[in-house]
N, C-alpha and C. Protein backbone atom coordinates (compact mmCIF):
# COMPACT_ATOMS: atom_id res chain seq x y z
N MET A 1 -19.64 -87.76 120.36
CA MET A 1 -20.65 -86.87 120.81
C MET A 1 -20.18 -86.15 122.03
N ASN A 2 -20.31 -84.84 122.01
CA ASN A 2 -19.84 -84.07 123.16
C ASN A 2 -21.11 -83.44 123.73
N ILE A 3 -21.45 -83.74 124.99
CA ILE A 3 -22.66 -83.25 125.57
C ILE A 3 -22.23 -82.34 126.74
N VAL A 4 -23.35 -81.50 127.16
CA VAL A 4 -23.12 -80.63 128.25
C VAL A 4 -23.75 -81.24 129.52
N LEU A 5 -22.95 -81.52 130.51
CA LEU A 5 -23.43 -82.00 131.69
C LEU A 5 -23.84 -80.82 132.63
N ALA A 6 -25.16 -80.71 132.91
CA ALA A 6 -25.73 -79.74 133.76
C ALA A 6 -25.61 -80.06 135.18
N SER A 7 -24.41 -80.42 135.68
CA SER A 7 -24.26 -80.87 136.99
C SER A 7 -22.86 -80.67 137.48
N GLY A 8 -22.55 -80.38 138.71
CA GLY A 8 -21.24 -80.20 139.19
C GLY A 8 -20.78 -81.41 139.87
N SER A 9 -21.53 -82.51 139.92
CA SER A 9 -21.24 -83.70 140.74
C SER A 9 -19.98 -84.37 140.20
N PRO A 10 -19.01 -84.55 141.03
CA PRO A 10 -17.77 -85.24 140.63
C PRO A 10 -18.21 -86.66 140.27
N ARG A 11 -19.18 -87.28 140.98
CA ARG A 11 -19.53 -88.74 140.65
C ARG A 11 -20.01 -88.82 139.33
N ARG A 12 -20.98 -87.98 138.96
CA ARG A 12 -21.49 -88.04 137.56
C ARG A 12 -20.37 -87.83 136.52
N ARG A 13 -19.49 -87.01 136.70
CA ARG A 13 -18.35 -86.83 135.87
C ARG A 13 -17.57 -88.11 135.76
N GLU A 14 -17.37 -88.91 136.93
CA GLU A 14 -16.58 -89.99 136.90
C GLU A 14 -17.21 -91.07 136.08
N LEU A 15 -18.56 -91.20 136.25
CA LEU A 15 -19.39 -92.12 135.51
C LEU A 15 -19.36 -91.92 134.02
N LEU A 16 -19.51 -90.63 133.62
CA LEU A 16 -19.47 -90.43 132.15
C LEU A 16 -18.10 -90.70 131.60
N THR A 17 -16.96 -90.30 132.32
CA THR A 17 -15.76 -90.66 131.82
C THR A 17 -15.43 -92.08 131.78
N GLN A 18 -16.05 -92.88 132.69
CA GLN A 18 -15.87 -94.34 132.71
C GLN A 18 -16.53 -94.92 131.45
N ALA A 19 -17.54 -94.35 130.99
CA ALA A 19 -18.20 -94.90 129.77
C ALA A 19 -17.60 -94.33 128.54
N GLY A 20 -16.75 -93.46 128.61
CA GLY A 20 -16.05 -92.90 127.36
C GLY A 20 -16.88 -91.76 126.67
N ILE A 21 -17.73 -91.17 127.50
CA ILE A 21 -18.69 -90.11 126.90
C ILE A 21 -17.91 -88.75 127.12
N GLU A 22 -17.74 -88.10 125.98
CA GLU A 22 -17.14 -86.80 126.14
C GLU A 22 -18.12 -85.71 126.58
N TYR A 23 -17.70 -84.80 127.47
CA TYR A 23 -18.67 -83.83 127.96
C TYR A 23 -17.94 -82.62 128.34
N THR A 24 -18.74 -81.49 128.45
CA THR A 24 -18.25 -80.32 129.22
C THR A 24 -19.23 -80.10 130.32
N VAL A 25 -18.76 -79.38 131.35
CA VAL A 25 -19.65 -79.12 132.47
C VAL A 25 -20.03 -77.72 132.56
N ASP A 26 -21.31 -77.57 132.79
CA ASP A 26 -21.97 -76.28 133.09
C ASP A 26 -23.14 -76.41 133.98
N PRO A 27 -22.87 -76.45 135.33
CA PRO A 27 -23.86 -76.75 136.25
C PRO A 27 -25.10 -75.73 136.26
N ALA A 28 -26.21 -76.40 136.35
CA ALA A 28 -27.49 -75.59 136.41
C ALA A 28 -27.46 -74.69 137.65
N ASP A 29 -27.73 -73.44 137.52
CA ASP A 29 -27.82 -72.60 138.60
C ASP A 29 -29.24 -72.20 138.95
N ILE A 30 -30.03 -73.04 139.41
CA ILE A 30 -31.50 -72.78 139.63
C ILE A 30 -31.85 -73.09 141.13
N GLU A 31 -32.89 -72.55 141.42
CA GLU A 31 -33.54 -72.77 142.79
C GLU A 31 -34.30 -74.09 142.58
N GLU A 32 -33.99 -75.08 143.32
CA GLU A 32 -34.62 -76.37 143.21
C GLU A 32 -35.87 -76.43 143.87
N VAL A 33 -36.99 -76.16 143.18
CA VAL A 33 -38.36 -76.07 143.74
C VAL A 33 -39.34 -76.81 142.84
N THR A 34 -40.08 -77.75 143.45
CA THR A 34 -41.04 -78.43 142.68
C THR A 34 -42.37 -78.55 143.45
N THR A 35 -43.46 -78.80 142.72
CA THR A 35 -44.65 -79.04 143.43
C THR A 35 -45.07 -80.43 143.41
N GLU A 36 -44.20 -81.36 142.84
CA GLU A 36 -44.36 -82.76 142.87
C GLU A 36 -44.06 -83.31 144.33
N THR A 37 -44.65 -84.34 144.70
CA THR A 37 -44.37 -84.96 145.91
C THR A 37 -43.86 -86.42 145.92
N LEU A 38 -44.31 -87.11 144.81
CA LEU A 38 -43.78 -88.56 144.77
C LEU A 38 -42.24 -88.42 144.38
N PRO A 39 -41.39 -89.25 144.96
CA PRO A 39 -39.96 -89.14 144.74
C PRO A 39 -39.55 -89.23 143.18
N ALA A 40 -40.19 -90.21 142.52
CA ALA A 40 -39.97 -90.29 141.14
C ALA A 40 -40.27 -89.04 140.23
N LYS A 41 -41.33 -88.49 140.62
CA LYS A 41 -41.79 -87.21 139.92
C LYS A 41 -40.99 -86.07 140.38
N VAL A 42 -40.53 -85.98 141.60
CA VAL A 42 -39.70 -84.89 142.06
C VAL A 42 -38.38 -84.94 141.28
N VAL A 43 -37.61 -86.03 141.21
CA VAL A 43 -36.41 -85.98 140.43
C VAL A 43 -36.56 -85.83 138.98
N GLU A 44 -37.68 -86.29 138.37
CA GLU A 44 -37.92 -85.94 137.00
C GLU A 44 -38.04 -84.51 136.74
N ASP A 45 -38.90 -83.84 137.56
CA ASP A 45 -39.23 -82.44 137.43
C ASP A 45 -37.94 -81.62 137.61
N LEU A 46 -37.16 -81.89 138.68
CA LEU A 46 -35.96 -81.14 138.90
C LEU A 46 -34.85 -81.37 137.89
N SER A 47 -34.71 -82.71 137.34
CA SER A 47 -33.77 -82.78 136.31
C SER A 47 -34.19 -81.95 135.07
N ARG A 48 -35.46 -82.07 134.76
CA ARG A 48 -35.99 -81.25 133.56
C ARG A 48 -35.74 -79.71 133.78
N GLN A 49 -36.02 -79.21 134.95
CA GLN A 49 -35.70 -77.72 135.13
C GLN A 49 -34.23 -77.52 134.93
N LYS A 50 -33.35 -78.36 135.41
CA LYS A 50 -31.89 -78.09 135.28
C LYS A 50 -31.41 -78.14 133.79
N ALA A 51 -32.01 -79.25 133.12
CA ALA A 51 -31.59 -79.44 131.68
C ALA A 51 -31.96 -78.20 130.82
N LEU A 52 -33.29 -77.83 131.01
CA LEU A 52 -33.75 -76.77 130.27
C LEU A 52 -33.02 -75.41 130.50
N ALA A 53 -32.64 -75.14 131.84
CA ALA A 53 -31.95 -73.99 132.17
C ALA A 53 -30.57 -73.93 131.48
N VAL A 54 -29.96 -75.05 131.35
CA VAL A 54 -28.68 -75.14 130.76
C VAL A 54 -28.69 -75.14 129.20
N TRP A 55 -29.78 -75.82 128.72
CA TRP A 55 -29.90 -75.81 127.26
C TRP A 55 -30.25 -74.48 126.65
N LYS A 56 -30.79 -73.59 127.40
CA LYS A 56 -31.03 -72.21 126.97
C LYS A 56 -29.71 -71.52 126.64
N LYS A 57 -28.68 -71.83 127.42
CA LYS A 57 -27.32 -71.26 127.08
C LYS A 57 -26.53 -72.11 126.08
N HIS A 58 -26.87 -73.25 125.71
CA HIS A 58 -26.17 -74.08 124.90
C HIS A 58 -27.16 -74.63 123.76
N GLN A 59 -28.01 -73.95 123.17
CA GLN A 59 -28.84 -74.45 122.24
C GLN A 59 -28.05 -74.98 120.96
N GLY A 60 -28.51 -76.02 120.43
CA GLY A 60 -27.70 -76.73 119.45
C GLY A 60 -26.85 -77.80 119.97
N LYS A 61 -26.71 -77.87 121.23
CA LYS A 61 -25.93 -78.98 121.94
C LYS A 61 -26.88 -79.91 122.65
N LYS A 62 -26.32 -81.04 122.99
CA LYS A 62 -27.19 -82.11 123.76
C LYS A 62 -26.86 -81.80 125.21
N VAL A 63 -27.87 -81.71 126.04
CA VAL A 63 -27.54 -81.43 127.51
C VAL A 63 -28.17 -82.58 128.32
N LEU A 64 -27.39 -82.89 129.27
CA LEU A 64 -27.78 -83.91 130.28
C LEU A 64 -27.89 -83.37 131.75
N ALA A 65 -28.92 -83.67 132.39
CA ALA A 65 -29.21 -83.13 133.76
C ALA A 65 -29.70 -84.37 134.53
N ALA A 66 -29.40 -84.36 135.81
CA ALA A 66 -29.92 -85.48 136.70
C ALA A 66 -30.09 -84.84 138.04
N ASP A 67 -31.03 -85.62 138.79
CA ASP A 67 -31.32 -85.21 140.26
C ASP A 67 -31.38 -86.63 141.00
N THR A 68 -30.87 -86.74 142.11
CA THR A 68 -31.05 -87.99 142.84
C THR A 68 -31.46 -87.72 144.32
N VAL A 69 -32.42 -88.47 144.75
CA VAL A 69 -32.87 -88.38 146.14
C VAL A 69 -32.88 -89.82 146.70
N VAL A 70 -32.86 -89.82 148.04
CA VAL A 70 -33.15 -91.07 148.82
C VAL A 70 -34.42 -90.87 149.46
N ALA A 71 -35.17 -91.99 149.34
CA ALA A 71 -36.54 -92.06 149.84
C ALA A 71 -36.76 -93.20 150.89
N PHE A 72 -37.46 -92.93 151.85
CA PHE A 72 -37.81 -94.02 152.92
C PHE A 72 -39.30 -93.78 153.17
N ASP A 73 -40.05 -94.82 152.97
CA ASP A 73 -41.55 -94.73 153.20
C ASP A 73 -42.10 -93.49 152.41
N ASP A 74 -41.69 -93.40 151.10
CA ASP A 74 -42.13 -92.34 150.17
C ASP A 74 -41.78 -90.90 150.79
N LYS A 75 -40.91 -90.79 151.72
CA LYS A 75 -40.54 -89.53 152.25
C LYS A 75 -39.05 -89.29 151.83
N ILE A 76 -38.77 -88.15 151.29
CA ILE A 76 -37.44 -87.81 150.73
C ILE A 76 -36.50 -87.46 151.77
N LEU A 77 -35.39 -88.01 151.91
CA LEU A 77 -34.33 -87.66 152.92
C LEU A 77 -33.27 -86.87 152.18
N GLY A 78 -33.17 -85.66 152.52
CA GLY A 78 -32.24 -84.87 151.77
C GLY A 78 -30.79 -85.04 152.50
N LYS A 79 -30.01 -83.87 152.23
CA LYS A 79 -28.72 -84.00 152.92
C LYS A 79 -28.82 -83.53 154.34
N PRO A 80 -28.16 -84.13 155.27
CA PRO A 80 -28.21 -83.86 156.72
C PRO A 80 -27.83 -82.43 157.08
N ALA A 81 -28.62 -81.80 157.89
CA ALA A 81 -28.44 -80.48 158.39
C ALA A 81 -27.18 -80.46 159.26
N ASP A 82 -26.91 -81.43 160.06
CA ASP A 82 -25.80 -81.54 160.98
C ASP A 82 -25.58 -82.94 161.37
N GLU A 83 -24.62 -83.27 162.27
CA GLU A 83 -24.29 -84.62 162.60
C GLU A 83 -25.38 -85.33 163.28
N GLU A 84 -26.16 -84.71 164.04
CA GLU A 84 -27.25 -85.40 164.70
C GLU A 84 -28.38 -85.75 163.70
N ASP A 85 -28.64 -84.91 162.69
CA ASP A 85 -29.53 -85.21 161.61
C ASP A 85 -28.99 -86.44 160.86
N ALA A 86 -27.80 -86.46 160.51
CA ALA A 86 -27.20 -87.55 159.92
C ALA A 86 -27.33 -88.86 160.72
N PHE A 87 -27.19 -88.73 161.99
CA PHE A 87 -27.31 -89.97 162.84
C PHE A 87 -28.71 -90.43 162.89
N ARG A 88 -29.74 -89.38 163.00
CA ARG A 88 -31.17 -89.79 162.87
C ARG A 88 -31.45 -90.57 161.56
N MET A 89 -30.98 -90.07 160.41
CA MET A 89 -31.23 -90.63 159.17
C MET A 89 -30.77 -92.03 159.11
N LEU A 90 -29.32 -92.11 159.44
CA LEU A 90 -28.78 -93.50 159.24
C LEU A 90 -29.30 -94.51 160.29
N THR A 91 -29.80 -94.04 161.40
CA THR A 91 -30.43 -94.91 162.35
C THR A 91 -31.82 -95.40 161.86
N GLU A 92 -32.44 -94.48 161.22
CA GLU A 92 -33.80 -94.68 160.58
C GLU A 92 -33.69 -95.81 159.50
N LEU A 93 -32.63 -95.65 158.66
CA LEU A 93 -32.40 -96.52 157.62
C LEU A 93 -31.79 -97.88 157.98
N SER A 94 -31.19 -97.94 159.07
CA SER A 94 -30.46 -99.11 159.60
C SER A 94 -31.34 -100.39 159.70
N GLY A 95 -30.97 -101.43 158.96
CA GLY A 95 -31.65 -102.77 158.97
C GLY A 95 -32.92 -102.72 158.11
N ARG A 96 -33.03 -101.64 157.23
CA ARG A 96 -34.25 -101.51 156.46
C ARG A 96 -33.86 -101.26 155.05
N ILE A 97 -35.03 -101.36 154.18
CA ILE A 97 -34.82 -101.16 152.71
C ILE A 97 -35.41 -99.69 152.54
N HIS A 98 -34.64 -98.98 151.64
CA HIS A 98 -35.04 -97.65 151.15
C HIS A 98 -34.78 -97.67 149.56
N GLN A 99 -35.34 -96.51 148.93
CA GLN A 99 -35.07 -96.41 147.58
C GLN A 99 -34.20 -95.18 147.30
N VAL A 100 -33.51 -95.30 146.28
CA VAL A 100 -32.75 -94.12 145.59
C VAL A 100 -33.33 -93.98 144.21
N TYR A 101 -33.79 -92.68 144.03
CA TYR A 101 -34.30 -92.33 142.66
C TYR A 101 -33.42 -91.33 142.01
N THR A 102 -33.14 -91.60 140.71
CA THR A 102 -32.50 -90.51 139.96
C THR A 102 -33.32 -90.19 138.88
N GLY A 103 -33.59 -88.96 138.55
CA GLY A 103 -34.40 -88.48 137.42
C GLY A 103 -33.26 -87.90 136.43
N VAL A 104 -33.53 -88.27 135.13
CA VAL A 104 -32.43 -87.74 134.11
C VAL A 104 -33.41 -87.11 133.09
N THR A 105 -32.87 -85.92 132.60
CA THR A 105 -33.37 -85.29 131.37
C THR A 105 -32.24 -85.13 130.36
N ILE A 106 -32.50 -85.50 129.16
CA ILE A 106 -31.71 -85.19 128.05
C ILE A 106 -32.40 -84.34 127.12
N VAL A 107 -31.87 -83.27 126.85
CA VAL A 107 -32.41 -82.37 125.84
C VAL A 107 -31.46 -82.41 124.59
N ASP A 108 -32.07 -82.79 123.42
CA ASP A 108 -31.12 -82.89 122.28
C ASP A 108 -30.85 -81.53 121.56
N GLU A 109 -30.15 -81.59 120.45
CA GLU A 109 -29.72 -80.43 119.81
C GLU A 109 -30.88 -79.54 119.28
N ALA A 110 -32.03 -80.28 119.03
CA ALA A 110 -33.15 -79.62 118.45
C ALA A 110 -34.24 -79.12 119.51
N GLY A 111 -33.90 -79.54 120.80
CA GLY A 111 -34.69 -79.18 121.89
C GLY A 111 -35.68 -80.11 122.37
N ASN A 112 -35.66 -81.34 121.77
CA ASN A 112 -36.49 -82.48 122.13
C ASN A 112 -36.12 -82.92 123.60
N ILE A 113 -37.06 -83.21 124.44
CA ILE A 113 -36.82 -83.44 125.79
C ILE A 113 -37.15 -84.94 125.95
N ASN A 114 -36.20 -85.65 126.69
CA ASN A 114 -36.46 -87.09 127.12
C ASN A 114 -36.08 -87.05 128.48
N THR A 115 -37.24 -87.32 129.43
CA THR A 115 -37.13 -87.44 130.83
C THR A 115 -37.46 -88.81 131.29
N PHE A 116 -36.71 -89.39 132.27
CA PHE A 116 -37.11 -90.57 132.85
C PHE A 116 -36.47 -90.71 134.25
N SER A 117 -36.81 -91.72 135.05
CA SER A 117 -36.20 -91.95 136.37
C SER A 117 -35.96 -93.40 136.52
N GLU A 118 -35.08 -93.69 137.48
CA GLU A 118 -34.66 -95.01 137.74
C GLU A 118 -34.74 -95.13 139.27
N CYS A 119 -35.13 -96.22 139.72
CA CYS A 119 -35.18 -96.54 141.20
C CYS A 119 -34.47 -97.87 141.48
N THR A 120 -33.62 -97.72 142.48
CA THR A 120 -32.96 -98.82 142.93
C THR A 120 -33.09 -99.01 144.56
N GLU A 121 -33.43 -100.22 144.94
CA GLU A 121 -33.72 -100.52 146.32
C GLU A 121 -32.35 -100.77 147.02
N VAL A 122 -32.24 -100.26 148.23
CA VAL A 122 -30.98 -100.41 148.96
C VAL A 122 -31.38 -100.99 150.41
N THR A 123 -30.75 -102.11 150.62
CA THR A 123 -30.96 -102.73 152.10
C THR A 123 -29.70 -102.44 152.85
N MET A 124 -29.95 -101.81 154.00
CA MET A 124 -28.96 -101.43 154.92
C MET A 124 -28.65 -102.52 155.94
N TYR A 125 -27.54 -102.83 156.42
CA TYR A 125 -27.22 -103.63 157.45
C TYR A 125 -27.88 -103.02 158.67
N ASP A 126 -28.02 -103.81 159.74
CA ASP A 126 -28.45 -103.31 161.04
C ASP A 126 -27.32 -102.76 161.68
N ASN A 127 -26.92 -101.53 161.40
CA ASN A 127 -25.76 -100.93 161.81
C ASN A 127 -25.82 -100.47 163.33
N SER A 128 -24.64 -100.70 163.97
CA SER A 128 -24.57 -100.32 165.48
C SER A 128 -24.46 -98.77 165.47
N GLU A 129 -24.86 -98.29 166.77
CA GLU A 129 -24.61 -96.79 167.03
C GLU A 129 -23.14 -96.47 166.80
N GLU A 130 -22.24 -97.34 167.23
CA GLU A 130 -20.87 -97.13 167.11
C GLU A 130 -20.43 -96.96 165.70
N SER A 131 -20.87 -97.83 164.85
CA SER A 131 -20.45 -97.81 163.38
C SER A 131 -21.08 -96.63 162.67
N ILE A 132 -22.23 -96.27 163.06
CA ILE A 132 -22.87 -95.09 162.49
C ILE A 132 -22.10 -93.81 162.94
N ARG A 133 -21.79 -93.73 164.33
CA ARG A 133 -21.17 -92.48 164.71
C ARG A 133 -19.66 -92.48 164.08
N ALA A 134 -19.03 -93.59 163.98
CA ALA A 134 -17.75 -93.56 163.24
C ALA A 134 -17.71 -93.14 161.76
N TYR A 135 -18.84 -93.46 161.10
CA TYR A 135 -18.94 -93.06 159.76
C TYR A 135 -19.25 -91.65 159.69
N ILE A 136 -20.06 -91.00 160.64
CA ILE A 136 -20.38 -89.65 160.64
C ILE A 136 -19.12 -88.83 160.91
N ALA A 137 -18.27 -89.44 161.81
CA ALA A 137 -16.95 -88.72 162.20
C ALA A 137 -16.03 -88.50 160.94
N SER A 138 -16.19 -89.31 159.87
CA SER A 138 -15.41 -89.25 158.59
C SER A 138 -15.85 -87.94 157.85
N LYS A 139 -16.96 -87.35 158.16
CA LYS A 139 -17.60 -86.23 157.54
C LYS A 139 -18.13 -86.45 156.14
N GLU A 140 -17.93 -87.80 155.62
CA GLU A 140 -18.41 -88.19 154.37
C GLU A 140 -19.92 -87.90 154.20
N PRO A 141 -20.80 -88.28 155.16
CA PRO A 141 -22.18 -88.27 154.87
C PRO A 141 -22.76 -86.80 154.94
N MET A 142 -22.01 -85.87 155.29
CA MET A 142 -22.60 -84.44 155.44
C MET A 142 -23.05 -83.79 154.18
N ASP A 143 -22.62 -84.16 153.11
CA ASP A 143 -23.11 -83.61 151.82
C ASP A 143 -23.82 -84.61 150.83
N LYS A 144 -24.34 -85.67 151.46
CA LYS A 144 -24.97 -86.71 150.67
C LYS A 144 -26.39 -86.87 151.06
N ALA A 145 -27.33 -87.04 150.17
CA ALA A 145 -28.67 -87.29 150.29
C ALA A 145 -28.70 -88.61 151.13
N GLY A 146 -29.58 -88.69 152.15
CA GLY A 146 -29.78 -89.79 152.90
C GLY A 146 -28.55 -90.08 153.94
N ALA A 147 -27.62 -89.19 153.91
CA ALA A 147 -26.44 -89.18 154.82
C ALA A 147 -25.45 -90.39 154.52
N TYR A 148 -25.45 -90.87 153.30
CA TYR A 148 -24.36 -91.90 153.02
C TYR A 148 -24.01 -91.85 151.57
N GLY A 149 -22.85 -92.31 151.24
CA GLY A 149 -22.27 -92.40 149.92
C GLY A 149 -21.94 -93.81 149.70
N ILE A 150 -22.56 -94.70 148.80
CA ILE A 150 -22.38 -95.97 148.53
C ILE A 150 -20.88 -96.24 147.90
N GLN A 151 -20.48 -95.19 147.24
CA GLN A 151 -19.25 -95.32 146.49
C GLN A 151 -18.02 -94.97 147.34
N GLY A 152 -18.17 -94.77 148.69
CA GLY A 152 -17.09 -94.20 149.55
C GLY A 152 -17.19 -95.11 150.80
N LEU A 153 -16.89 -94.47 151.96
CA LEU A 153 -16.92 -95.32 153.28
C LEU A 153 -18.26 -95.83 153.62
N GLY A 154 -19.23 -95.19 153.04
CA GLY A 154 -20.66 -95.70 153.33
C GLY A 154 -20.93 -97.02 152.77
N ALA A 155 -20.15 -97.57 151.88
CA ALA A 155 -20.37 -98.84 151.32
C ALA A 155 -20.40 -99.97 152.40
N VAL A 156 -19.82 -99.76 153.55
CA VAL A 156 -19.77 -100.85 154.66
C VAL A 156 -21.06 -100.77 155.31
N LEU A 157 -21.97 -99.89 155.10
CA LEU A 157 -23.23 -99.83 155.84
C LEU A 157 -24.39 -100.54 155.03
N VAL A 158 -23.97 -100.83 153.65
CA VAL A 158 -24.99 -101.38 152.74
C VAL A 158 -24.84 -102.89 152.65
N GLU A 159 -25.98 -103.58 152.86
CA GLU A 159 -25.98 -105.03 152.75
C GLU A 159 -26.08 -105.51 151.32
N LYS A 160 -27.11 -104.90 150.54
CA LYS A 160 -27.32 -105.33 149.30
C LYS A 160 -28.09 -104.19 148.47
N ILE A 161 -28.09 -104.36 147.21
CA ILE A 161 -28.94 -103.53 146.38
C ILE A 161 -29.77 -104.26 145.46
N ASN A 162 -30.86 -103.76 144.98
CA ASN A 162 -31.67 -104.37 144.02
C ASN A 162 -31.86 -103.31 142.88
N GLY A 163 -31.14 -103.48 141.83
CA GLY A 163 -31.16 -102.43 140.78
C GLY A 163 -29.89 -101.98 140.37
N ASP A 164 -29.79 -100.77 139.75
CA ASP A 164 -28.57 -100.30 139.12
C ASP A 164 -27.72 -99.61 140.28
N TYR A 165 -26.52 -100.08 140.50
CA TYR A 165 -25.53 -99.48 141.43
C TYR A 165 -25.25 -98.11 141.12
N ASN A 166 -24.98 -97.89 139.81
CA ASN A 166 -24.57 -96.53 139.50
C ASN A 166 -25.78 -95.53 139.63
N ASN A 167 -26.93 -95.95 139.64
CA ASN A 167 -28.04 -95.14 140.03
C ASN A 167 -27.89 -94.60 141.51
N VAL A 168 -27.52 -95.47 142.35
CA VAL A 168 -27.33 -95.00 143.64
C VAL A 168 -26.11 -94.07 143.86
N VAL A 169 -25.19 -94.17 143.05
CA VAL A 169 -24.04 -93.26 142.99
C VAL A 169 -24.53 -91.89 142.46
N GLY A 170 -25.51 -91.88 141.48
CA GLY A 170 -26.02 -90.64 141.07
C GLY A 170 -26.32 -90.56 139.63
N LEU A 171 -26.18 -91.66 138.87
CA LEU A 171 -26.58 -91.61 137.36
C LEU A 171 -26.70 -92.99 136.86
N PRO A 172 -27.87 -93.37 136.39
CA PRO A 172 -28.09 -94.68 135.81
C PRO A 172 -27.49 -94.77 134.49
N LEU A 173 -26.07 -95.04 134.57
CA LEU A 173 -25.17 -94.97 133.43
C LEU A 173 -25.52 -95.66 132.18
N ALA A 174 -25.94 -97.01 132.34
CA ALA A 174 -26.23 -97.82 131.18
C ALA A 174 -27.49 -97.36 130.39
N ARG A 175 -28.53 -96.86 131.19
CA ARG A 175 -29.67 -96.36 130.59
C ARG A 175 -29.49 -94.99 129.97
N VAL A 176 -28.66 -94.19 130.57
CA VAL A 176 -28.32 -92.86 129.91
C VAL A 176 -27.56 -93.15 128.69
N TYR A 177 -26.68 -94.05 128.67
CA TYR A 177 -25.80 -94.40 127.49
C TYR A 177 -26.76 -94.67 126.28
N ARG A 178 -27.66 -95.69 126.66
CA ARG A 178 -28.59 -96.18 125.58
C ARG A 178 -29.49 -94.96 125.00
N VAL A 179 -29.87 -94.17 125.83
CA VAL A 179 -30.69 -93.01 125.40
C VAL A 179 -29.85 -92.10 124.57
N LEU A 180 -28.66 -91.71 125.07
CA LEU A 180 -27.86 -90.83 124.36
C LEU A 180 -27.43 -91.45 122.93
N TYR A 181 -27.22 -92.65 122.72
CA TYR A 181 -26.70 -93.18 121.56
C TYR A 181 -27.88 -93.94 120.86
N ASN A 182 -29.09 -93.81 121.29
CA ASN A 182 -30.24 -94.57 120.66
C ASN A 182 -30.15 -95.94 120.58
N GLU A 183 -29.71 -96.62 121.62
CA GLU A 183 -29.46 -98.09 121.47
C GLU A 183 -30.69 -98.79 122.05
């Protein structure tokens, strides 16, 4: 099965390749706007918008889109605006539990839509100001929701997770595989 991945995320590409799923890439070029407020509904709505925008260009093919957010106290933490914003986010998350939500939409060849979301709880170590500033100096957190990447240097900030690790990376791979292949 060859699907169209409606995302430019290198992490999502790595995960699909890891699972042996053949795909082509056509990132959705949409303005990400939603009226939803709950994190699970936000990512479901945005993934649906992305999938449908790309499916219109690839009718007759299966399209996969995803959207991931970090949420703390039901407040969505986006990508940091600058280093001080990254410091604020990482300090806020330090020593606490937060959630990572990924919404996924798969539009099949006939235009049938399957949308779902996955939530993983992440517990951060009580990280020192020094370790947070050192991480920020790496520049890794600057393009990451919640200001960290669990698959990179940010892994040392995370104490444990409850749920799907790949969901935190950006795609609940096992669940996506099962939906794609009707398992």
